[in-house]
Amino acid sequence: MDVKEDEYENIPTLSAKITALFLQQNLDIKPEQIVAMHRIPTKKGQTRPVLIKLRNNDDKSAVMRKRKEMKNAGHRLVDDVTALNTGLMSRLQLHKDIESTWFFNGSVFALTKRQERIKFDLYDNIDTVIREFRELRAKRN
């Protein structure tokens, strides 16, 4: 999360800043709901991003749903995507039947060119998952 860094910043002041930003977006996230928070290194001269771990996954989902509003207010929010999930998303993007991919709530999803939303796991065979999804949907109809 992009938050301006003060020269004498510490965790309690950073926590107060973050919770105030959440409140501005009508998110009732209190300091005790934050399990861990720290800044991570970046290139010299840039604002160091803040990494936040929330106690409850529902709270994280609520925060991530406000991503667009936070971005409009000048604060970028991103999910911490593992290298394996990033690789899966890359493989999906290269597939002929996939239009777009995204990461939400710990899972990787893709939208097919037929406008089907499908959840994928790390070691899935993409063609097989798409075929099985379509077969299952055809049985229901």
N, C-alpha and C. Protein backbone atom coordinates (compact mmCIF):
# COMPACT_ATOMS: atom_id res chain seq x y z
N MET A 1 0.85 -1.17 0.00
CA MET A 1 0.00 0.00 0.00
C MET A 1 0.89 1.23 0.00
N ASP A 2 0.59 2.18 -0.86
CA ASP A 2 1.36 3.43 -0.93
C ASP A 2 0.89 4.41 0.13
N VAL A 3 1.76 4.68 1.09
CA VAL A 3 1.47 5.65 2.15
C VAL A 3 2.74 6.47 2.34
N LYS A 4 2.60 7.79 2.33
CA LYS A 4 3.76 8.67 2.51
C LYS A 4 4.50 8.29 3.78
N GLU A 5 5.82 8.31 3.68
CA GLU A 5 6.67 7.91 4.80
C GLU A 5 7.21 9.15 5.50
N ASP A 6 7.04 9.21 6.83
CA ASP A 6 7.58 10.30 7.63
C ASP A 6 8.98 9.92 8.11
N GLU A 7 9.78 10.94 8.39
CA GLU A 7 11.16 10.71 8.83
C GLU A 7 11.21 9.93 10.15
N TYR A 8 10.30 10.23 11.07
CA TYR A 8 10.32 9.60 12.39
C TYR A 8 9.18 8.60 12.57
N GLU A 9 8.81 7.97 11.49
CA GLU A 9 7.69 7.04 11.50
C GLU A 9 8.01 5.79 12.32
N ASN A 10 7.00 5.31 13.05
CA ASN A 10 7.11 4.03 13.74
C ASN A 10 5.81 3.25 13.50
N ILE A 11 5.76 2.03 13.97
CA ILE A 11 4.60 1.17 13.70
C ILE A 11 3.30 1.77 14.25
N PRO A 12 3.27 2.28 15.49
CA PRO A 12 2.00 2.87 15.96
C PRO A 12 1.51 4.05 15.11
N THR A 13 2.42 4.93 14.67
CA THR A 13 1.98 6.06 13.84
C THR A 13 1.55 5.58 12.45
N LEU A 14 2.26 4.60 11.92
CA LEU A 14 1.89 4.03 10.62
C LEU A 14 0.53 3.34 10.72
N SER A 15 0.32 2.61 11.79
CA SER A 15 -0.96 1.94 12.02
C SER A 15 -2.10 2.95 12.09
N ALA A 16 -1.87 4.07 12.76
CA ALA A 16 -2.90 5.12 12.86
C ALA A 16 -3.20 5.71 11.48
N LYS A 17 -2.15 5.92 10.67
CA LYS A 17 -2.34 6.44 9.30
C LYS A 17 -3.18 5.48 8.46
N ILE A 18 -2.82 4.21 8.53
CA ILE A 18 -3.50 3.19 7.73
C ILE A 18 -4.97 3.09 8.13
N THR A 19 -5.24 3.02 9.44
CA THR A 19 -6.63 2.90 9.88
C THR A 19 -7.43 4.15 9.52
N ALA A 20 -6.80 5.32 9.54
CA ALA A 20 -7.48 6.55 9.12
C ALA A 20 -7.82 6.50 7.62
N LEU A 21 -6.89 5.98 6.81
CA LEU A 21 -7.16 5.83 5.38
C LEU A 21 -8.32 4.86 5.14
N PHE A 22 -8.35 3.77 5.89
CA PHE A 22 -9.44 2.82 5.78
C PHE A 22 -10.77 3.48 6.15
N LEU A 23 -10.76 4.26 7.22
CA LEU A 23 -11.97 4.95 7.66
C LEU A 23 -12.50 5.91 6.61
N GLN A 24 -11.59 6.58 5.90
CA GLN A 24 -12.00 7.50 4.82
C GLN A 24 -12.77 6.76 3.73
N GLN A 25 -12.52 5.46 3.60
CA GLN A 25 -13.20 4.64 2.59
C GLN A 25 -14.35 3.83 3.20
N ASN A 26 -14.78 4.24 4.41
CA ASN A 26 -15.88 3.56 5.13
C ASN A 26 -15.55 2.11 5.45
N LEU A 27 -14.28 1.84 5.72
CA LEU A 27 -13.85 0.51 6.14
C LEU A 27 -13.54 0.58 7.63
N ASP A 28 -14.23 -0.21 8.42
CA ASP A 28 -14.04 -0.18 9.87
C ASP A 28 -12.99 -1.21 10.28
N ILE A 29 -11.74 -0.93 9.93
CA ILE A 29 -10.62 -1.81 10.28
C ILE A 29 -9.86 -1.14 11.42
N LYS A 30 -9.86 -1.79 12.58
CA LYS A 30 -9.21 -1.24 13.76
C LYS A 30 -7.78 -1.78 13.86
N PRO A 31 -6.90 -1.05 14.58
CA PRO A 31 -5.50 -1.51 14.71
C PRO A 31 -5.37 -2.94 15.22
N GLU A 32 -6.27 -3.37 16.10
CA GLU A 32 -6.18 -4.74 16.64
C GLU A 32 -6.54 -5.81 15.60
N GLN A 33 -7.13 -5.42 14.48
CA GLN A 33 -7.43 -6.36 13.40
C GLN A 33 -6.22 -6.58 12.48
N ILE A 34 -5.18 -5.77 12.69
CA ILE A 34 -3.96 -5.88 11.89
C ILE A 34 -2.98 -6.77 12.64
N VAL A 35 -2.61 -7.88 12.03
CA VAL A 35 -1.69 -8.84 12.65
C VAL A 35 -0.25 -8.36 12.50
N ALA A 36 0.11 -7.90 11.32
CA ALA A 36 1.48 -7.46 11.05
C ALA A 36 1.45 -6.34 10.03
N MET A 37 2.46 -5.45 10.15
CA MET A 37 2.56 -4.33 9.22
C MET A 37 4.01 -3.87 9.21
N HIS A 38 4.56 -3.71 8.03
CA HIS A 38 5.91 -3.15 7.91
C HIS A 38 6.13 -2.65 6.49
N ARG A 39 7.12 -1.82 6.34
CA ARG A 39 7.49 -1.32 5.01
C ARG A 39 8.47 -2.29 4.38
N ILE A 40 8.39 -2.41 3.05
CA ILE A 40 9.33 -3.27 2.34
C ILE A 40 10.25 -2.41 1.48
N PRO A 41 11.47 -2.89 1.23
CA PRO A 41 12.44 -2.08 0.47
C PRO A 41 11.97 -1.81 -0.96
N THR A 42 12.47 -0.71 -1.50
CA THR A 42 12.20 -0.35 -2.88
C THR A 42 13.39 0.45 -3.40
N LYS A 43 13.30 0.93 -4.62
CA LYS A 43 14.38 1.72 -5.19
C LYS A 43 14.55 3.02 -4.42
N LYS A 44 15.78 3.49 -4.36
CA LYS A 44 16.09 4.73 -3.65
C LYS A 44 15.28 5.89 -4.24
N GLY A 45 14.72 6.70 -3.36
CA GLY A 45 13.95 7.86 -3.79
C GLY A 45 12.46 7.59 -3.96
N GLN A 46 12.05 6.32 -3.85
CA GLN A 46 10.62 5.98 -3.96
C GLN A 46 10.04 5.71 -2.58
N THR A 47 8.74 5.91 -2.44
CA THR A 47 8.06 5.60 -1.19
C THR A 47 8.04 4.09 -1.00
N ARG A 48 8.50 3.65 0.17
CA ARG A 48 8.49 2.21 0.45
C ARG A 48 7.05 1.75 0.70
N PRO A 49 6.60 0.72 0.00
CA PRO A 49 5.23 0.22 0.20
C PRO A 49 5.06 -0.39 1.59
N VAL A 50 3.83 -0.42 2.05
CA VAL A 50 3.50 -1.01 3.35
C VAL A 50 2.85 -2.37 3.10
N LEU A 51 3.38 -3.39 3.76
CA LEU A 51 2.81 -4.73 3.69
C LEU A 51 1.93 -4.90 4.93
N ILE A 52 0.67 -5.30 4.73
CA ILE A 52 -0.28 -5.42 5.84
C ILE A 52 -0.87 -6.82 5.83
N LYS A 53 -0.89 -7.45 7.01
CA LYS A 53 -1.57 -8.75 7.16
C LYS A 53 -2.71 -8.55 8.16
N LEU A 54 -3.91 -8.86 7.70
CA LEU A 54 -5.09 -8.70 8.55
C LEU A 54 -5.45 -10.02 9.22
N ARG A 55 -6.04 -9.94 10.40
CA ARG A 55 -6.39 -11.12 11.18
C ARG A 55 -7.46 -11.96 10.47
N ASN A 56 -8.40 -11.31 9.83
CA ASN A 56 -9.56 -11.98 9.27
C ASN A 56 -9.57 -11.84 7.75
N ASN A 57 -9.77 -12.93 7.05
CA ASN A 57 -9.79 -12.90 5.59
C ASN A 57 -10.96 -12.09 5.04
N ASP A 58 -12.07 -12.05 5.78
CA ASP A 58 -13.21 -11.23 5.36
C ASP A 58 -12.84 -9.75 5.36
N ASP A 59 -12.03 -9.34 6.35
CA ASP A 59 -11.56 -7.95 6.40
C ASP A 59 -10.69 -7.65 5.19
N LYS A 60 -9.81 -8.59 4.84
CA LYS A 60 -8.95 -8.40 3.67
C LYS A 60 -9.79 -8.26 2.41
N SER A 61 -10.81 -9.11 2.28
CA SER A 61 -11.68 -9.03 1.11
C SER A 61 -12.40 -7.69 1.04
N ALA A 62 -12.85 -7.20 2.19
CA ALA A 62 -13.53 -5.89 2.23
C ALA A 62 -12.58 -4.79 1.79
N VAL A 63 -11.33 -4.85 2.25
CA VAL A 63 -10.33 -3.85 1.86
C VAL A 63 -10.06 -3.94 0.36
N MET A 64 -9.87 -5.15 -0.15
CA MET A 64 -9.54 -5.32 -1.56
C MET A 64 -10.70 -4.91 -2.48
N ARG A 65 -11.93 -4.99 -1.99
CA ARG A 65 -13.07 -4.53 -2.78
C ARG A 65 -13.06 -3.01 -2.94
N LYS A 66 -12.35 -2.32 -2.06
CA LYS A 66 -12.25 -0.85 -2.13
C LYS A 66 -11.00 -0.41 -2.90
N ARG A 67 -10.38 -1.33 -3.61
CA ARG A 67 -9.13 -1.07 -4.34
C ARG A 67 -9.24 0.14 -5.27
N LYS A 68 -10.32 0.22 -6.02
CA LYS A 68 -10.48 1.32 -6.99
C LYS A 68 -10.60 2.66 -6.28
N GLU A 69 -11.41 2.71 -5.23
CA GLU A 69 -11.57 3.96 -4.47
C GLU A 69 -10.25 4.39 -3.84
N MET A 70 -9.51 3.40 -3.30
CA MET A 70 -8.21 3.71 -2.69
C MET A 70 -7.24 4.24 -3.75
N LYS A 71 -7.27 3.65 -4.94
CA LYS A 71 -6.39 4.10 -6.03
C LYS A 71 -6.73 5.53 -6.42
N ASN A 72 -8.03 5.84 -6.51
CA ASN A 72 -8.45 7.20 -6.84
C ASN A 72 -8.01 8.20 -5.78
N ALA A 73 -7.86 7.73 -4.54
CA ALA A 73 -7.39 8.59 -3.45
C ALA A 73 -5.86 8.64 -3.39
N GLY A 74 -5.19 7.94 -4.31
CA GLY A 74 -3.74 7.98 -4.39
C GLY A 74 -3.02 6.87 -3.64
N HIS A 75 -3.74 5.80 -3.28
CA HIS A 75 -3.15 4.69 -2.54
C HIS A 75 -3.39 3.40 -3.30
N ARG A 76 -2.31 2.78 -3.75
CA ARG A 76 -2.41 1.57 -4.56
C ARG A 76 -2.43 0.34 -3.65
N LEU A 77 -3.39 -0.55 -3.88
CA LEU A 77 -3.49 -1.81 -3.15
C LEU A 77 -3.25 -2.96 -4.10
N VAL A 78 -2.42 -3.91 -3.70
CA VAL A 78 -2.20 -5.11 -4.50
C VAL A 78 -2.17 -6.33 -3.60
N ASP A 79 -2.64 -7.45 -4.11
CA ASP A 79 -2.55 -8.72 -3.40
C ASP A 79 -1.12 -9.21 -3.47
N ASP A 80 -0.69 -9.92 -2.44
CA ASP A 80 0.64 -10.51 -2.42
C ASP A 80 0.54 -11.87 -3.13
N VAL A 81 0.85 -11.88 -4.42
CA VAL A 81 0.71 -13.09 -5.24
C VAL A 81 2.03 -13.85 -5.24
N THR A 82 1.97 -15.16 -4.97
CA THR A 82 3.18 -15.98 -4.95
C THR A 82 3.75 -16.12 -6.36
N ALA A 83 5.01 -16.50 -6.43
CA ALA A 83 5.66 -16.71 -7.73
C ALA A 83 4.95 -17.82 -8.51
N LEU A 84 4.50 -18.87 -7.81
CA LEU A 84 3.80 -19.97 -8.49
C LEU A 84 2.48 -19.49 -9.10
N ASN A 85 1.73 -18.68 -8.35
CA ASN A 85 0.47 -18.15 -8.88
C ASN A 85 0.71 -17.17 -10.02
N THR A 86 1.79 -16.40 -9.93
CA THR A 86 2.15 -15.49 -11.02
C THR A 86 2.45 -16.30 -12.28
N GLY A 87 3.16 -17.42 -12.11
CA GLY A 87 3.46 -18.30 -13.24
C GLY A 87 2.20 -18.89 -13.85
N LEU A 88 1.25 -19.29 -12.99
CA LEU A 88 -0.02 -19.82 -13.48
C LEU A 88 -0.76 -18.75 -14.28
N MET A 89 -0.78 -17.54 -13.78
CA MET A 89 -1.46 -16.45 -14.49
C MET A 89 -0.80 -16.19 -15.84
N SER A 90 0.52 -16.29 -15.89
CA SER A 90 1.23 -16.11 -17.17
C SER A 90 0.86 -17.21 -18.16
N ARG A 91 0.82 -18.46 -17.67
CA ARG A 91 0.43 -19.58 -18.55
C ARG A 91 -0.98 -19.39 -19.07
N LEU A 92 -1.87 -18.94 -18.20
CA LEU A 92 -3.26 -18.72 -18.61
C LEU A 92 -3.35 -17.62 -19.67
N GLN A 93 -2.60 -16.54 -19.49
CA GLN A 93 -2.62 -15.42 -20.45
C GLN A 93 -2.18 -15.87 -21.84
N LEU A 94 -1.28 -16.85 -21.88
CA LEU A 94 -0.77 -17.33 -23.17
C LEU A 94 -1.71 -18.33 -23.84
N HIS A 95 -2.70 -18.82 -23.11
CA HIS A 95 -3.61 -19.84 -23.66
C HIS A 95 -4.58 -19.21 -24.65
N LYS A 96 -4.85 -19.93 -25.72
CA LYS A 96 -5.68 -19.40 -26.82
C LYS A 96 -7.13 -19.13 -26.42
N ASP A 97 -7.65 -19.83 -25.40
CA ASP A 97 -9.05 -19.66 -25.01
C ASP A 97 -9.27 -18.65 -23.88
N ILE A 98 -8.19 -18.09 -23.35
CA ILE A 98 -8.30 -17.20 -22.18
C ILE A 98 -8.21 -15.74 -22.60
N GLU A 99 -9.16 -14.95 -22.10
CA GLU A 99 -9.19 -13.52 -22.39
C GLU A 99 -8.46 -12.71 -21.32
N SER A 100 -8.71 -13.03 -20.04
CA SER A 100 -8.05 -12.29 -18.95
C SER A 100 -7.93 -13.18 -17.72
N THR A 101 -7.03 -12.77 -16.81
CA THR A 101 -6.83 -13.51 -15.56
C THR A 101 -6.77 -12.51 -14.41
N TRP A 102 -7.08 -13.00 -13.22
CA TRP A 102 -6.95 -12.16 -12.02
C TRP A 102 -6.76 -13.05 -10.81
N PHE A 103 -6.29 -12.42 -9.76
CA PHE A 103 -6.04 -13.09 -8.48
C PHE A 103 -7.01 -12.48 -7.48
N PHE A 104 -7.78 -13.30 -6.79
CA PHE A 104 -8.69 -12.79 -5.77
C PHE A 104 -8.79 -13.78 -4.63
N ASN A 105 -8.62 -13.26 -3.42
CA ASN A 105 -8.84 -14.04 -2.21
C ASN A 105 -8.04 -15.34 -2.20
N GLY A 106 -6.81 -15.27 -2.67
CA GLY A 106 -5.92 -16.42 -2.65
C GLY A 106 -6.06 -17.39 -3.80
N SER A 107 -6.90 -17.07 -4.77
CA SER A 107 -7.12 -17.98 -5.90
C SER A 107 -6.92 -17.26 -7.23
N VAL A 108 -6.60 -18.05 -8.26
CA VAL A 108 -6.41 -17.52 -9.61
C VAL A 108 -7.65 -17.86 -10.44
N PHE A 109 -8.17 -16.85 -11.11
CA PHE A 109 -9.35 -17.01 -11.96
C PHE A 109 -9.02 -16.56 -13.37
N ALA A 110 -9.81 -17.06 -14.33
CA ALA A 110 -9.64 -16.64 -15.72
C ALA A 110 -11.01 -16.47 -16.35
N LEU A 111 -11.08 -15.56 -17.29
CA LEU A 111 -12.27 -15.35 -18.10
C LEU A 111 -11.95 -15.87 -19.49
N THR A 112 -12.76 -16.83 -19.95
CA THR A 112 -12.52 -17.38 -21.29
C THR A 112 -13.09 -16.43 -22.34
N LYS A 113 -12.76 -16.70 -23.57
CA LYS A 113 -13.29 -15.88 -24.67
C LYS A 113 -14.79 -16.06 -24.83
N ARG A 114 -15.34 -17.13 -24.23
CA ARG A 114 -16.79 -17.35 -24.22
C ARG A 114 -17.44 -16.71 -22.98
N GLN A 115 -16.66 -15.89 -22.26
CA GLN A 115 -17.12 -15.18 -21.06
C GLN A 115 -17.47 -16.11 -19.89
N GLU A 116 -16.69 -17.19 -19.74
CA GLU A 116 -16.85 -18.12 -18.62
C GLU A 116 -15.79 -17.80 -17.57
N ARG A 117 -16.21 -17.66 -16.32
CA ARG A 117 -15.27 -17.43 -15.22
C ARG A 117 -14.92 -18.77 -14.60
N ILE A 118 -13.63 -19.09 -14.62
CA ILE A 118 -13.18 -20.40 -14.14
C ILE A 118 -12.04 -20.20 -13.15
N LYS A 119 -12.10 -20.97 -12.05
CA LYS A 119 -11.03 -20.96 -11.05
C LYS A 119 -10.00 -22.03 -11.42
N PHE A 120 -8.72 -21.67 -11.33
CA PHE A 120 -7.64 -22.60 -11.66
C PHE A 120 -6.73 -22.82 -10.46
N ASP A 121 -6.21 -24.05 -10.35
CA ASP A 121 -5.22 -24.37 -9.33
C ASP A 121 -3.85 -24.47 -9.99
N LEU A 122 -2.81 -24.46 -9.16
CA LEU A 122 -1.43 -24.36 -9.64
C LEU A 122 -1.06 -25.34 -10.74
N TYR A 123 -1.38 -26.60 -10.55
CA TYR A 123 -0.87 -27.61 -11.48
C TYR A 123 -1.95 -28.15 -12.42
N ASP A 124 -3.02 -27.38 -12.60
CA ASP A 124 -4.10 -27.80 -13.50
C ASP A 124 -3.63 -27.83 -14.94
N ASN A 125 -4.20 -28.78 -15.69
CA ASN A 125 -4.07 -28.76 -17.14
C ASN A 125 -5.17 -27.83 -17.63
N ILE A 126 -4.80 -26.72 -18.22
CA ILE A 126 -5.75 -25.67 -18.58
C ILE A 126 -6.85 -26.20 -19.50
N ASP A 127 -6.47 -26.94 -20.54
CA ASP A 127 -7.46 -27.48 -21.48
C ASP A 127 -8.46 -28.39 -20.77
N THR A 128 -7.95 -29.24 -19.87
CA THR A 128 -8.81 -30.17 -19.15
C THR A 128 -9.80 -29.43 -18.25
N VAL A 129 -9.34 -28.43 -17.53
CA VAL A 129 -10.22 -27.67 -16.64
C VAL A 129 -11.32 -26.97 -17.43
N ILE A 130 -10.95 -26.36 -18.54
CA ILE A 130 -11.95 -25.68 -19.38
C ILE A 130 -12.97 -26.68 -19.92
N ARG A 131 -12.49 -27.83 -20.42
CA ARG A 131 -13.38 -28.85 -20.97
C ARG A 131 -14.34 -29.38 -19.89
N GLU A 132 -13.78 -29.71 -18.69
CA GLU A 132 -14.62 -30.23 -17.60
C GLU A 132 -15.62 -29.19 -17.12
N PHE A 133 -15.23 -27.92 -17.09
CA PHE A 133 -16.13 -26.85 -16.71
C PHE A 133 -17.32 -26.80 -17.67
N ARG A 134 -17.03 -26.88 -18.95
CA ARG A 134 -18.08 -26.81 -19.98
C ARG A 134 -18.99 -28.04 -19.93
N GLU A 135 -18.40 -29.22 -19.69
CA GLU A 135 -19.20 -30.44 -19.59
C GLU A 135 -20.14 -30.38 -18.40
N LEU A 136 -19.63 -29.92 -17.27
CA LEU A 136 -20.45 -29.81 -16.06
C LEU A 136 -21.58 -28.81 -16.25
N ARG A 137 -21.28 -27.71 -16.89
CA ARG A 137 -22.30 -26.69 -17.16
C ARG A 137 -23.37 -27.22 -18.11
N ALA A 138 -22.96 -28.00 -19.10
CA ALA A 138 -23.90 -28.58 -20.07
C ALA A 138 -24.85 -29.57 -19.38
N LYS A 139 -24.34 -30.33 -18.40
CA LYS A 139 -25.17 -31.29 -17.67
C LYS A 139 -26.25 -30.58 -16.85
N ARG A 140 -25.90 -29.41 -16.29
CA ARG A 140 -26.85 -28.65 -15.47
C ARG A 140 -27.98 -28.07 -16.31
N ASN A 141 -27.70 -27.78 -17.57
CA ASN A 141 -28.72 -27.14 -18.43
C ASN A 141 -29.52 -28.13 -19.17
